[in-house]
mmCIF file of all heavy atoms, coordinates in Angstrom:
data_MODEL
# 
_entry.id   MODEL 
# 
loop_
_atom_site.group_PDB 
_atom_site.id 
_atom_site.type_symbol 
_atom_site.label_atom_id 
_atom_site.label_alt_id 
_atom_site.label_comp_id 
_atom_site.label_asym_id 
_atom_site.label_entity_id 
_atom_site.label_seq_id 
_atom_site.pdbx_PDB_ins_code 
_atom_site.Cartn_x 
_atom_site.Cartn_y 
_atom_site.Cartn_z 
_atom_site.occupancy 
_atom_site.B_iso_or_equiv 
_atom_site.pdbx_formal_charge 
_atom_site.auth_seq_id 
_atom_site.auth_comp_id 
_atom_site.auth_asym_id 
_atom_site.auth_atom_id 
_atom_site.pdbx_PDB_model_num 
ATOM 1   N N   . GLY A 1 1  ? 14.175 -4.105  -15.120 1.00 0.00 ? 1  GLY A N   1 
ATOM 2   C CA  . GLY A 1 1  ? 14.103 -3.084  -16.145 1.00 0.00 ? 1  GLY A CA  1 
ATOM 3   C C   . GLY A 1 1  ? 13.060 -2.017  -15.922 1.00 0.00 ? 1  GLY A C   1 
ATOM 4   O O   . GLY A 1 1  ? 12.865 -1.170  -16.799 1.00 0.00 ? 1  GLY A O   1 
ATOM 5   N N   . LYS A 1 2  ? 12.388 -2.032  -14.778 1.00 0.00 ? 2  LYS A N   1 
ATOM 6   C CA  . LYS A 1 2  ? 11.339 -1.062  -14.522 1.00 0.00 ? 2  LYS A CA  1 
ATOM 7   C C   . LYS A 1 2  ? 11.646 -0.239  -13.279 1.00 0.00 ? 2  LYS A C   1 
ATOM 8   O O   . LYS A 1 2  ? 12.447 -0.634  -12.432 1.00 0.00 ? 2  LYS A O   1 
ATOM 9   C CB  . LYS A 1 2  ? 9.987  -1.763  -14.362 1.00 0.00 ? 2  LYS A CB  1 
ATOM 10  C CG  . LYS A 1 2  ? 9.511  -2.473  -15.614 1.00 0.00 ? 2  LYS A CG  1 
ATOM 11  C CD  . LYS A 1 2  ? 8.086  -2.953  -15.478 1.00 0.00 ? 2  LYS A CD  1 
ATOM 12  C CE  . LYS A 1 2  ? 7.592  -3.563  -16.774 1.00 0.00 ? 2  LYS A CE  1 
ATOM 13  N NZ  . LYS A 1 2  ? 6.183  -3.985  -16.678 1.00 0.00 ? 2  LYS A NZ  1 
ATOM 14  N N   . GLN A 1 3  ? 10.991 0.904   -13.192 1.00 0.00 ? 3  GLN A N   1 
ATOM 15  C CA  . GLN A 1 3  ? 11.132 1.767   -12.032 1.00 0.00 ? 3  GLN A CA  1 
ATOM 16  C C   . GLN A 1 3  ? 10.490 1.124   -10.805 1.00 0.00 ? 3  GLN A C   1 
ATOM 17  O O   . GLN A 1 3  ? 9.542  0.338   -10.916 1.00 0.00 ? 3  GLN A O   1 
ATOM 18  C CB  . GLN A 1 3  ? 10.476 3.122   -12.293 1.00 0.00 ? 3  GLN A CB  1 
ATOM 19  C CG  . GLN A 1 3  ? 11.107 3.942   -13.407 1.00 0.00 ? 3  GLN A CG  1 
ATOM 20  C CD  . GLN A 1 3  ? 12.318 4.719   -12.940 1.00 0.00 ? 3  GLN A CD  1 
ATOM 21  O OE1 . GLN A 1 3  ? 12.701 4.662   -11.776 1.00 0.00 ? 3  GLN A OE1 1 
ATOM 22  N NE2 . GLN A 1 3  ? 12.928 5.452   -13.843 1.00 0.00 ? 3  GLN A NE2 1 
ATOM 23  N N   . ARG A 1 4  ? 11.011 1.462   -9.652  1.00 0.00 ? 4  ARG A N   1 
ATOM 24  C CA  . ARG A 1 4  ? 10.386 1.059   -8.413  1.00 0.00 ? 4  ARG A CA  1 
ATOM 25  C C   . ARG A 1 4  ? 8.988  1.658   -8.335  1.00 0.00 ? 4  ARG A C   1 
ATOM 26  O O   . ARG A 1 4  ? 8.797  2.842   -8.634  1.00 0.00 ? 4  ARG A O   1 
ATOM 27  C CB  . ARG A 1 4  ? 11.229 1.526   -7.224  1.00 0.00 ? 4  ARG A CB  1 
ATOM 28  C CG  . ARG A 1 4  ? 10.752 1.016   -5.879  1.00 0.00 ? 4  ARG A CG  1 
ATOM 29  C CD  . ARG A 1 4  ? 11.594 1.606   -4.763  1.00 0.00 ? 4  ARG A CD  1 
ATOM 30  N NE  . ARG A 1 4  ? 11.373 3.039   -4.625  1.00 0.00 ? 4  ARG A NE  1 
ATOM 31  C CZ  . ARG A 1 4  ? 12.158 3.852   -3.935  1.00 0.00 ? 4  ARG A CZ  1 
ATOM 32  N NH1 . ARG A 1 4  ? 13.238 3.379   -3.333  1.00 0.00 ? 4  ARG A NH1 1 
ATOM 33  N NH2 . ARG A 1 4  ? 11.863 5.142   -3.853  1.00 0.00 ? 4  ARG A NH2 1 
ATOM 34  N N   . GLU A 1 5  ? 8.024  0.857   -7.924  1.00 0.00 ? 5  GLU A N   1 
ATOM 35  C CA  . GLU A 1 5  ? 6.634  1.260   -7.923  1.00 0.00 ? 5  GLU A CA  1 
ATOM 36  C C   . GLU A 1 5  ? 6.061  1.200   -6.511  1.00 0.00 ? 5  GLU A C   1 
ATOM 37  O O   . GLU A 1 5  ? 6.206  0.193   -5.808  1.00 0.00 ? 5  GLU A O   1 
ATOM 38  C CB  . GLU A 1 5  ? 5.810  0.361   -8.849  1.00 0.00 ? 5  GLU A CB  1 
ATOM 39  C CG  . GLU A 1 5  ? 4.334  0.714   -8.917  1.00 0.00 ? 5  GLU A CG  1 
ATOM 40  C CD  . GLU A 1 5  ? 3.533  -0.254  -9.771  1.00 0.00 ? 5  GLU A CD  1 
ATOM 41  O OE1 . GLU A 1 5  ? 4.098  -1.285  -10.185 1.00 0.00 ? 5  GLU A OE1 1 
ATOM 42  O OE2 . GLU A 1 5  ? 2.347  0.031   -10.028 1.00 0.00 ? 5  GLU A OE2 1 
ATOM 43  N N   . PHE A 1 6  ? 5.398  2.263   -6.118  1.00 0.00 ? 6  PHE A N   1 
ATOM 44  C CA  . PHE A 1 6  ? 4.695  2.289   -4.849  1.00 0.00 ? 6  PHE A CA  1 
ATOM 45  C C   . PHE A 1 6  ? 3.508  1.338   -4.891  1.00 0.00 ? 6  PHE A C   1 
ATOM 46  O O   . PHE A 1 6  ? 2.723  1.339   -5.839  1.00 0.00 ? 6  PHE A O   1 
ATOM 47  C CB  . PHE A 1 6  ? 4.212  3.711   -4.544  1.00 0.00 ? 6  PHE A CB  1 
ATOM 48  C CG  . PHE A 1 6  ? 3.236  3.795   -3.414  1.00 0.00 ? 6  PHE A CG  1 
ATOM 49  C CD1 . PHE A 1 6  ? 3.653  3.675   -2.099  1.00 0.00 ? 6  PHE A CD1 1 
ATOM 50  C CD2 . PHE A 1 6  ? 1.885  3.995   -3.666  1.00 0.00 ? 6  PHE A CD2 1 
ATOM 51  C CE1 . PHE A 1 6  ? 2.751  3.753   -1.053  1.00 0.00 ? 6  PHE A CE1 1 
ATOM 52  C CE2 . PHE A 1 6  ? 0.976  4.082   -2.626  1.00 0.00 ? 6  PHE A CE2 1 
ATOM 53  C CZ  . PHE A 1 6  ? 1.417  3.957   -1.323  1.00 0.00 ? 6  PHE A CZ  1 
ATOM 54  N N   . VAL A 1 7  ? 3.357  0.537   -3.835  1.00 0.00 ? 7  VAL A N   1 
ATOM 55  C CA  . VAL A 1 7  ? 2.277  -0.437  -3.758  1.00 0.00 ? 7  VAL A CA  1 
ATOM 56  C C   . VAL A 1 7  ? 1.268  -0.061  -2.683  1.00 0.00 ? 7  VAL A C   1 
ATOM 57  O O   . VAL A 1 7  ? 0.069  0.019   -2.952  1.00 0.00 ? 7  VAL A O   1 
ATOM 58  C CB  . VAL A 1 7  ? 2.819  -1.855  -3.496  1.00 0.00 ? 7  VAL A CB  1 
ATOM 59  C CG1 . VAL A 1 7  ? 1.668  -2.842  -3.289  1.00 0.00 ? 7  VAL A CG1 1 
ATOM 60  C CG2 . VAL A 1 7  ? 3.712  -2.301  -4.649  1.00 0.00 ? 7  VAL A CG2 1 
ATOM 61  N N   . ALA A 1 8  ? 1.741  0.157   -1.456  1.00 0.00 ? 8  ALA A N   1 
ATOM 62  C CA  . ALA A 1 8  ? 0.826  0.412   -0.350  1.00 0.00 ? 8  ALA A CA  1 
ATOM 63  C C   . ALA A 1 8  ? 1.573  1.050   0.804   1.00 0.00 ? 8  ALA A C   1 
ATOM 64  O O   . ALA A 1 8  ? 2.777  0.849   0.971   1.00 0.00 ? 8  ALA A O   1 
ATOM 65  C CB  . ALA A 1 8  ? 0.152  -0.880  0.116   1.00 0.00 ? 8  ALA A CB  1 
ATOM 66  N N   . VAL A 1 9  ? 0.858  1.820   1.611   1.00 0.00 ? 9  VAL A N   1 
ATOM 67  C CA  . VAL A 1 9  ? 1.423  2.406   2.816   1.00 0.00 ? 9  VAL A CA  1 
ATOM 68  C C   . VAL A 1 9  ? 0.433  2.272   3.962   1.00 0.00 ? 9  VAL A C   1 
ATOM 69  O O   . VAL A 1 9  ? -0.776 2.440   3.776   1.00 0.00 ? 9  VAL A O   1 
ATOM 70  C CB  . VAL A 1 9  ? 1.817  3.891   2.601   1.00 0.00 ? 9  VAL A CB  1 
ATOM 71  C CG1 . VAL A 1 9  ? 0.619  4.731   2.160   1.00 0.00 ? 9  VAL A CG1 1 
ATOM 72  C CG2 . VAL A 1 9  ? 2.455  4.473   3.855   1.00 0.00 ? 9  VAL A CG2 1 
ATOM 73  N N   . LEU A 1 10 ? 0.958  1.952   5.131   1.00 0.00 ? 10 LEU A N   1 
ATOM 74  C CA  . LEU A 1 10 ? 0.200  1.962   6.376   1.00 0.00 ? 10 LEU A CA  1 
ATOM 75  C C   . LEU A 1 10 ? 0.893  2.933   7.309   1.00 0.00 ? 10 LEU A C   1 
ATOM 76  O O   . LEU A 1 10 ? 2.000  2.665   7.786   1.00 0.00 ? 10 LEU A O   1 
ATOM 77  C CB  . LEU A 1 10 ? 0.126  0.562   6.982   1.00 0.00 ? 10 LEU A CB  1 
ATOM 78  C CG  . LEU A 1 10 ? -0.497 0.434   8.376   1.00 0.00 ? 10 LEU A CG  1 
ATOM 79  C CD1 . LEU A 1 10 ? -1.898 1.011   8.409   1.00 0.00 ? 10 LEU A CD1 1 
ATOM 80  C CD2 . LEU A 1 10 ? -0.502 -1.020  8.813   1.00 0.00 ? 10 LEU A CD2 1 
ATOM 81  N N   . ALA A 1 11 ? 0.269  4.063   7.551   1.00 0.00 ? 11 ALA A N   1 
ATOM 82  C CA  . ALA A 1 11 ? 0.836  5.064   8.436   1.00 0.00 ? 11 ALA A CA  1 
ATOM 83  C C   . ALA A 1 11 ? 0.661  4.651   9.889   1.00 0.00 ? 11 ALA A C   1 
ATOM 84  O O   . ALA A 1 11 ? -0.225 3.857   10.229  1.00 0.00 ? 11 ALA A O   1 
ATOM 85  C CB  . ALA A 1 11 ? 0.181  6.417   8.188   1.00 0.00 ? 11 ALA A CB  1 
ATOM 86  N N   . SER A 1 12 ? 1.506  5.192   10.743  1.00 0.00 ? 12 SER A N   1 
ATOM 87  C CA  . SER A 1 12 ? 1.446  4.853   12.161  1.00 0.00 ? 12 SER A CA  1 
ATOM 88  C C   . SER A 1 12 ? 0.101  5.211   12.771  1.00 0.00 ? 12 SER A C   1 
ATOM 89  O O   . SER A 1 12 ? -0.343 4.555   13.715  1.00 0.00 ? 12 SER A O   1 
ATOM 90  C CB  . SER A 1 12 ? 2.578  5.545   12.919  1.00 0.00 ? 12 SER A CB  1 
ATOM 91  O OG  . SER A 1 12 ? 2.484  6.957   12.801  1.00 0.00 ? 12 SER A OG  1 
ATOM 92  N N   . GLY A 1 13 ? -0.548 6.242   12.219  1.00 0.00 ? 13 GLY A N   1 
ATOM 93  C CA  . GLY A 1 13 ? -1.862 6.628   12.692  1.00 0.00 ? 13 GLY A CA  1 
ATOM 94  C C   . GLY A 1 13 ? -3.001 5.808   12.137  1.00 0.00 ? 13 GLY A C   1 
ATOM 95  O O   . GLY A 1 13 ? -4.154 6.030   12.515  1.00 0.00 ? 13 GLY A O   1 
ATOM 96  N N   . GLY A 1 14 ? -2.718 4.887   11.235  1.00 0.00 ? 14 GLY A N   1 
ATOM 97  C CA  . GLY A 1 14 ? -3.733 3.999   10.700  1.00 0.00 ? 14 GLY A CA  1 
ATOM 98  C C   . GLY A 1 14 ? -4.205 4.304   9.296   1.00 0.00 ? 14 GLY A C   1 
ATOM 99  O O   . GLY A 1 14 ? -4.982 3.534   8.731   1.00 0.00 ? 14 GLY A O   1 
ATOM 100 N N   . THR A 1 15 ? -3.752 5.399   8.720   1.00 0.00 ? 15 THR A N   1 
ATOM 101 C CA  . THR A 1 15 ? -4.157 5.758   7.369   1.00 0.00 ? 15 THR A CA  1 
ATOM 102 C C   . THR A 1 15 ? -3.588 4.772   6.355   1.00 0.00 ? 15 THR A C   1 
ATOM 103 O O   . THR A 1 15 ? -2.419 4.398   6.435   1.00 0.00 ? 15 THR A O   1 
ATOM 104 C CB  . THR A 1 15 ? -3.701 7.181   7.034   1.00 0.00 ? 15 THR A CB  1 
ATOM 105 O OG1 . THR A 1 15 ? -4.302 8.094   7.949   1.00 0.00 ? 15 THR A OG1 1 
ATOM 106 C CG2 . THR A 1 15 ? -4.098 7.559   5.616   1.00 0.00 ? 15 THR A CG2 1 
ATOM 107 N N   . LEU A 1 16 ? -4.415 4.372   5.398   1.00 0.00 ? 16 LEU A N   1 
ATOM 108 C CA  . LEU A 1 16 ? -4.024 3.448   4.340   1.00 0.00 ? 16 LEU A CA  1 
ATOM 109 C C   . LEU A 1 16 ? -4.076 4.142   2.990   1.00 0.00 ? 16 LEU A C   1 
ATOM 110 O O   . LEU A 1 16 ? -4.936 4.986   2.749   1.00 0.00 ? 16 LEU A O   1 
ATOM 111 C CB  . LEU A 1 16 ? -4.966 2.244   4.296   1.00 0.00 ? 16 LEU A CB  1 
ATOM 112 C CG  . LEU A 1 16 ? -5.228 1.493   5.600   1.00 0.00 ? 16 LEU A CG  1 
ATOM 113 C CD1 . LEU A 1 16 ? -6.310 0.447   5.383   1.00 0.00 ? 16 LEU A CD1 1 
ATOM 114 C CD2 . LEU A 1 16 ? -3.949 0.855   6.114   1.00 0.00 ? 16 LEU A CD2 1 
ATOM 115 N N   . ASN A 1 17 ? -3.166 3.757   2.108   1.00 0.00 ? 17 ASN A N   1 
ATOM 116 C CA  . ASN A 1 17 ? -3.219 4.233   0.742   1.00 0.00 ? 17 ASN A CA  1 
ATOM 117 C C   . ASN A 1 17 ? -2.560 3.197   -0.153  1.00 0.00 ? 17 ASN A C   1 
ATOM 118 O O   . ASN A 1 17 ? -1.704 2.433   0.294   1.00 0.00 ? 17 ASN A O   1 
ATOM 119 C CB  . ASN A 1 17 ? -2.535 5.586   0.590   1.00 0.00 ? 17 ASN A CB  1 
ATOM 120 C CG  . ASN A 1 17 ? -3.131 6.410   -0.531  1.00 0.00 ? 17 ASN A CG  1 
ATOM 121 O OD1 . ASN A 1 17 ? -3.904 5.922   -1.351  1.00 0.00 ? 17 ASN A OD1 1 
ATOM 122 N ND2 . ASN A 1 17 ? -2.765 7.686   -0.578  1.00 0.00 ? 17 ASN A ND2 1 
ATOM 123 N N   . TYR A 1 18 ? -2.968 3.193   -1.440  1.00 0.00 ? 18 TYR A N   1 
ATOM 124 C CA  . TYR A 1 18 ? -2.518 2.179   -2.383  1.00 0.00 ? 18 TYR A CA  1 
ATOM 125 C C   . TYR A 1 18 ? -2.173 2.790   -3.722  1.00 0.00 ? 18 TYR A C   1 
ATOM 126 O O   . TYR A 1 18 ? -2.730 3.819   -4.117  1.00 0.00 ? 18 TYR A O   1 
ATOM 127 C CB  . TYR A 1 18 ? -3.609 1.122   -2.597  1.00 0.00 ? 18 TYR A CB  1 
ATOM 128 C CG  . TYR A 1 18 ? -4.001 0.400   -1.341  1.00 0.00 ? 18 TYR A CG  1 
ATOM 129 C CD1 . TYR A 1 18 ? -5.048 0.864   -0.549  1.00 0.00 ? 18 TYR A CD1 1 
ATOM 130 C CD2 . TYR A 1 18 ? -3.309 -0.734  -0.931  1.00 0.00 ? 18 TYR A CD2 1 
ATOM 131 C CE1 . TYR A 1 18 ? -5.399 0.200   0.616   1.00 0.00 ? 18 TYR A CE1 1 
ATOM 132 C CE2 . TYR A 1 18 ? -3.661 -1.399  0.239   1.00 0.00 ? 18 TYR A CE2 1 
ATOM 133 C CZ  . TYR A 1 18 ? -4.704 -0.919  1.003   1.00 0.00 ? 18 TYR A CZ  1 
ATOM 134 O OH  . TYR A 1 18 ? -5.046 -1.575  2.159   1.00 0.00 ? 18 TYR A OH  1 
ATOM 135 N N   . GLY A 1 19 ? -1.242 2.141   -4.412  1.00 0.00 ? 19 GLY A N   1 
ATOM 136 C CA  . GLY A 1 19 ? -0.980 2.519   -5.773  1.00 0.00 ? 19 GLY A CA  1 
ATOM 137 C C   . GLY A 1 19 ? -2.154 2.172   -6.672  1.00 0.00 ? 19 GLY A C   1 
ATOM 138 O O   . GLY A 1 19 ? -2.895 1.219   -6.419  1.00 0.00 ? 19 GLY A O   1 
ATOM 139 N N   . GLY A 1 20 ? -2.313 2.959   -7.722  1.00 0.00 ? 20 GLY A N   1 
ATOM 140 C CA  . GLY A 1 20 ? -3.473 2.802   -8.581  1.00 0.00 ? 20 GLY A CA  1 
ATOM 141 C C   . GLY A 1 20 ? -3.603 1.432   -9.226  1.00 0.00 ? 20 GLY A C   1 
ATOM 142 O O   . GLY A 1 20 ? -4.721 0.945   -9.437  1.00 0.00 ? 20 GLY A O   1 
ATOM 143 N N   . SER A 1 21 ? -2.498 0.784   -9.520  1.00 0.00 ? 21 SER A N   1 
ATOM 144 C CA  . SER A 1 21 ? -2.544 -0.498  -10.202 1.00 0.00 ? 21 SER A CA  1 
ATOM 145 C C   . SER A 1 21 ? -2.967 -1.649  -9.300  1.00 0.00 ? 21 SER A C   1 
ATOM 146 O O   . SER A 1 21 ? -3.307 -2.729  -9.798  1.00 0.00 ? 21 SER A O   1 
ATOM 147 C CB  . SER A 1 21 ? -1.185 -0.814  -10.836 1.00 0.00 ? 21 SER A CB  1 
ATOM 148 O OG  . SER A 1 21 ? -0.183 -0.959  -9.846  1.00 0.00 ? 21 SER A OG  1 
ATOM 149 N N   . VAL A 1 22 ? -2.955 -1.450  -7.986  1.00 0.00 ? 22 VAL A N   1 
ATOM 150 C CA  . VAL A 1 22 ? -3.307 -2.520  -7.055  1.00 0.00 ? 22 VAL A CA  1 
ATOM 151 C C   . VAL A 1 22 ? -4.528 -2.188  -6.221  1.00 0.00 ? 22 VAL A C   1 
ATOM 152 O O   . VAL A 1 22 ? -5.022 -3.060  -5.489  1.00 0.00 ? 22 VAL A O   1 
ATOM 153 C CB  . VAL A 1 22 ? -2.127 -2.878  -6.130  1.00 0.00 ? 22 VAL A CB  1 
ATOM 154 C CG1 . VAL A 1 22 ? -0.871 -3.153  -6.942  1.00 0.00 ? 22 VAL A CG1 1 
ATOM 155 C CG2 . VAL A 1 22 ? -1.874 -1.774  -5.107  1.00 0.00 ? 22 VAL A CG2 1 
ATOM 156 N N   . LYS A 1 23 ? -5.022 -0.984  -6.316  1.00 0.00 ? 23 LYS A N   1 
ATOM 157 C CA  . LYS A 1 23 ? -6.159 -0.557  -5.512  1.00 0.00 ? 23 LYS A CA  1 
ATOM 158 C C   . LYS A 1 23 ? -7.365 -1.454  -5.767  1.00 0.00 ? 23 LYS A C   1 
ATOM 159 O O   . LYS A 1 23 ? -7.719 -1.738  -6.909  1.00 0.00 ? 23 LYS A O   1 
ATOM 160 C CB  . LYS A 1 23 ? -6.489 0.899   -5.824  1.00 0.00 ? 23 LYS A CB  1 
ATOM 161 C CG  . LYS A 1 23 ? -7.428 1.563   -4.839  1.00 0.00 ? 23 LYS A CG  1 
ATOM 162 C CD  . LYS A 1 23 ? -7.514 3.066   -5.108  1.00 0.00 ? 23 LYS A CD  1 
ATOM 163 C CE  . LYS A 1 23 ? -6.166 3.743   -4.917  1.00 0.00 ? 23 LYS A CE  1 
ATOM 164 N NZ  . LYS A 1 23 ? -6.234 5.218   -5.119  1.00 0.00 ? 23 LYS A NZ  1 
ATOM 165 N N   . GLY A 1 24 ? -7.975 -1.897  -4.687  1.00 0.00 ? 24 GLY A N   1 
ATOM 166 C CA  . GLY A 1 24 ? -9.116 -2.792  -4.780  1.00 0.00 ? 24 GLY A CA  1 
ATOM 167 C C   . GLY A 1 24 ? -8.748 -4.252  -4.780  1.00 0.00 ? 24 GLY A C   1 
ATOM 168 O O   . GLY A 1 24 ? -9.635 -5.110  -4.612  1.00 0.00 ? 24 GLY A O   1 
ATOM 169 N N   . ARG A 1 25 ? -7.484 -4.573  -4.968  1.00 0.00 ? 25 ARG A N   1 
ATOM 170 C CA  . ARG A 1 25 ? -7.031 -5.958  -4.986  1.00 0.00 ? 25 ARG A CA  1 
ATOM 171 C C   . ARG A 1 25 ? -6.103 -6.293  -3.822  1.00 0.00 ? 25 ARG A C   1 
ATOM 172 O O   . ARG A 1 25 ? -6.084 -7.437  -3.363  1.00 0.00 ? 25 ARG A O   1 
ATOM 173 C CB  . ARG A 1 25 ? -6.309 -6.273  -6.300  1.00 0.00 ? 25 ARG A CB  1 
ATOM 174 C CG  . ARG A 1 25 ? -7.182 -6.099  -7.536  1.00 0.00 ? 25 ARG A CG  1 
ATOM 175 C CD  . ARG A 1 25 ? -6.458 -6.594  -8.788  1.00 0.00 ? 25 ARG A CD  1 
ATOM 176 N NE  . ARG A 1 25 ? -5.252 -5.820  -9.075  1.00 0.00 ? 25 ARG A NE  1 
ATOM 177 C CZ  . ARG A 1 25 ? -4.020 -6.330  -9.141  1.00 0.00 ? 25 ARG A CZ  1 
ATOM 178 N NH1 . ARG A 1 25 ? -3.832 -7.636  -8.960  1.00 0.00 ? 25 ARG A NH1 1 
ATOM 179 N NH2 . ARG A 1 25 ? -2.986 -5.548  -9.425  1.00 0.00 ? 25 ARG A NH2 1 
ATOM 180 N N   . PHE A 1 26 ? -5.312 -5.319  -3.362  1.00 0.00 ? 26 PHE A N   1 
ATOM 181 C CA  . PHE A 1 26 ? -4.329 -5.539  -2.298  1.00 0.00 ? 26 PHE A CA  1 
ATOM 182 C C   . PHE A 1 26 ? -4.785 -4.845  -1.022  1.00 0.00 ? 26 PHE A C   1 
ATOM 183 O O   . PHE A 1 26 ? -5.448 -3.797  -1.065  1.00 0.00 ? 26 PHE A O   1 
ATOM 184 C CB  . PHE A 1 26 ? -2.962 -4.976  -2.687  1.00 0.00 ? 26 PHE A CB  1 
ATOM 185 C CG  . PHE A 1 26 ? -2.238 -5.724  -3.786  1.00 0.00 ? 26 PHE A CG  1 
ATOM 186 C CD1 . PHE A 1 26 ? -2.873 -6.677  -4.558  1.00 0.00 ? 26 PHE A CD1 1 
ATOM 187 C CD2 . PHE A 1 26 ? -0.902 -5.437  -4.033  1.00 0.00 ? 26 PHE A CD2 1 
ATOM 188 C CE1 . PHE A 1 26 ? -2.197 -7.347  -5.570  1.00 0.00 ? 26 PHE A CE1 1 
ATOM 189 C CE2 . PHE A 1 26 ? -0.219 -6.103  -5.033  1.00 0.00 ? 26 PHE A CE2 1 
ATOM 190 C CZ  . PHE A 1 26 ? -0.857 -7.054  -5.808  1.00 0.00 ? 26 PHE A CZ  1 
ATOM 191 N N   . THR A 1 27 ? -4.386 -5.415  0.117   1.00 0.00 ? 27 THR A N   1 
ATOM 192 C CA  . THR A 1 27 ? -4.694 -4.833  1.414   1.00 0.00 ? 27 THR A CA  1 
ATOM 193 C C   . THR A 1 27 ? -3.466 -4.895  2.307   1.00 0.00 ? 27 THR A C   1 
ATOM 194 O O   . THR A 1 27 ? -2.872 -5.963  2.477   1.00 0.00 ? 27 THR A O   1 
ATOM 195 C CB  . THR A 1 27 ? -5.857 -5.567  2.103   1.00 0.00 ? 27 THR A CB  1 
ATOM 196 O OG1 . THR A 1 27 ? -7.006 -5.572  1.252   1.00 0.00 ? 27 THR A OG1 1 
ATOM 197 C CG2 . THR A 1 27 ? -6.209 -4.881  3.420   1.00 0.00 ? 27 THR A CG2 1 
ATOM 198 N N   . ILE A 1 28 ? -3.099 -3.758  2.886   1.00 0.00 ? 28 ILE A N   1 
ATOM 199 C CA  . ILE A 1 28 ? -1.999 -3.714  3.842   1.00 0.00 ? 28 ILE A CA  1 
ATOM 200 C C   . ILE A 1 28 ? -2.574 -3.700  5.252   1.00 0.00 ? 28 ILE A C   1 
ATOM 201 O O   . ILE A 1 28 ? -3.613 -3.076  5.506   1.00 0.00 ? 28 ILE A O   1 
ATOM 202 C CB  . ILE A 1 28 ? -1.086 -2.494  3.592   1.00 0.00 ? 28 ILE A CB  1 
ATOM 203 C CG1 . ILE A 1 28 ? 0.169  -2.556  4.480   1.00 0.00 ? 28 ILE A CG1 1 
ATOM 204 C CG2 . ILE A 1 28 ? -1.840 -1.186  3.789   1.00 0.00 ? 28 ILE A CG2 1 
ATOM 205 C CD1 . ILE A 1 28 ? 1.219  -1.497  4.126   1.00 0.00 ? 28 ILE A CD1 1 
ATOM 206 N N   . SER A 1 29 ? -1.912 -4.392  6.169   1.00 0.00 ? 29 SER A N   1 
ATOM 207 C CA  . SER A 1 29 ? -2.377 -4.453  7.548   1.00 0.00 ? 29 SER A CA  1 
ATOM 208 C C   . SER A 1 29 ? -1.194 -4.661  8.481   1.00 0.00 ? 29 SER A C   1 
ATOM 209 O O   . SER A 1 29 ? -0.084 -4.985  8.042   1.00 0.00 ? 29 SER A O   1 
ATOM 210 C CB  . SER A 1 29 ? -3.411 -5.564  7.741   1.00 0.00 ? 29 SER A CB  1 
ATOM 211 O OG  . SER A 1 29 ? -2.841 -6.839  7.476   1.00 0.00 ? 29 SER A OG  1 
ATOM 212 N N   . ARG A 1 30 ? -1.432 -4.490  9.770   1.00 0.00 ? 30 ARG A N   1 
ATOM 213 C CA  . ARG A 1 30 ? -0.393 -4.636  10.775  1.00 0.00 ? 30 ARG A CA  1 
ATOM 214 C C   . ARG A 1 30 ? -0.916 -5.452  11.937  1.00 0.00 ? 30 ARG A C   1 
ATOM 215 O O   . ARG A 1 30 ? -2.057 -5.265  12.386  1.00 0.00 ? 30 ARG A O   1 
ATOM 216 C CB  . ARG A 1 30 ? 0.065  -3.245  11.258  1.00 0.00 ? 30 ARG A CB  1 
ATOM 217 C CG  . ARG A 1 30 ? 1.247  -3.274  12.209  1.00 0.00 ? 30 ARG A CG  1 
ATOM 218 C CD  . ARG A 1 30 ? 1.618  -1.862  12.658  1.00 0.00 ? 30 ARG A CD  1 
ATOM 219 N NE  . ARG A 1 30 ? 0.649  -1.318  13.599  1.00 0.00 ? 30 ARG A NE  1 
ATOM 220 C CZ  . ARG A 1 30 ? -0.061 -0.226  13.403  1.00 0.00 ? 30 ARG A CZ  1 
ATOM 221 N NH1 . ARG A 1 30 ? 0.082  0.470   12.276  1.00 0.00 ? 30 ARG A NH1 1 
ATOM 222 N NH2 . ARG A 1 30 ? -0.915 0.187   14.323  1.00 0.00 ? 30 ARG A NH2 1 
ATOM 223 N N   . ASP A 1 31 ? -0.087 -6.352  12.442  1.00 0.00 ? 31 ASP A N   1 
ATOM 224 C CA  . ASP A 1 31 ? -0.393 -7.128  13.633  1.00 0.00 ? 31 ASP A CA  1 
ATOM 225 C C   . ASP A 1 31 ? 0.598  -6.707  14.719  1.00 0.00 ? 31 ASP A C   1 
ATOM 226 O O   . ASP A 1 31 ? 1.775  -7.064  14.661  1.00 0.00 ? 31 ASP A O   1 
ATOM 227 C CB  . ASP A 1 31 ? -0.286 -8.625  13.348  1.00 0.00 ? 31 ASP A CB  1 
ATOM 228 C CG  . ASP A 1 31 ? -0.724 -9.484  14.516  1.00 0.00 ? 31 ASP A CG  1 
ATOM 229 O OD1 . ASP A 1 31 ? -0.771 -8.994  15.662  1.00 0.00 ? 31 ASP A OD1 1 
ATOM 230 O OD2 . ASP A 1 31 ? -1.027 -10.667 14.282  1.00 0.00 ? 31 ASP A OD2 1 
ATOM 231 N N   . ASP A 1 32 ? 0.117  -5.944  15.685  1.00 0.00 ? 32 ASP A N   1 
ATOM 232 C CA  . ASP A 1 32 ? 1.011  -5.428  16.720  1.00 0.00 ? 32 ASP A CA  1 
ATOM 233 C C   . ASP A 1 32 ? 1.562  -6.535  17.615  1.00 0.00 ? 32 ASP A C   1 
ATOM 234 O O   . ASP A 1 32 ? 2.671  -6.414  18.142  1.00 0.00 ? 32 ASP A O   1 
ATOM 235 C CB  . ASP A 1 32 ? 0.282  -4.392  17.575  1.00 0.00 ? 32 ASP A CB  1 
ATOM 236 C CG  . ASP A 1 32 ? -0.004 -3.113  16.815  1.00 0.00 ? 32 ASP A CG  1 
ATOM 237 O OD1 . ASP A 1 32 ? 0.753  -2.789  15.877  1.00 0.00 ? 32 ASP A OD1 1 
ATOM 238 O OD2 . ASP A 1 32 ? -0.984 -2.422  17.159  1.00 0.00 ? 32 ASP A OD2 1 
# 
């Protein structure tokens, strides 16, 4: 019943960003 919500992004260049509701609690990472 809710809209899709952005959580986190990891750009190919390494830039990270988070949705406001999860910032400080969630971490996105990549293992090549």
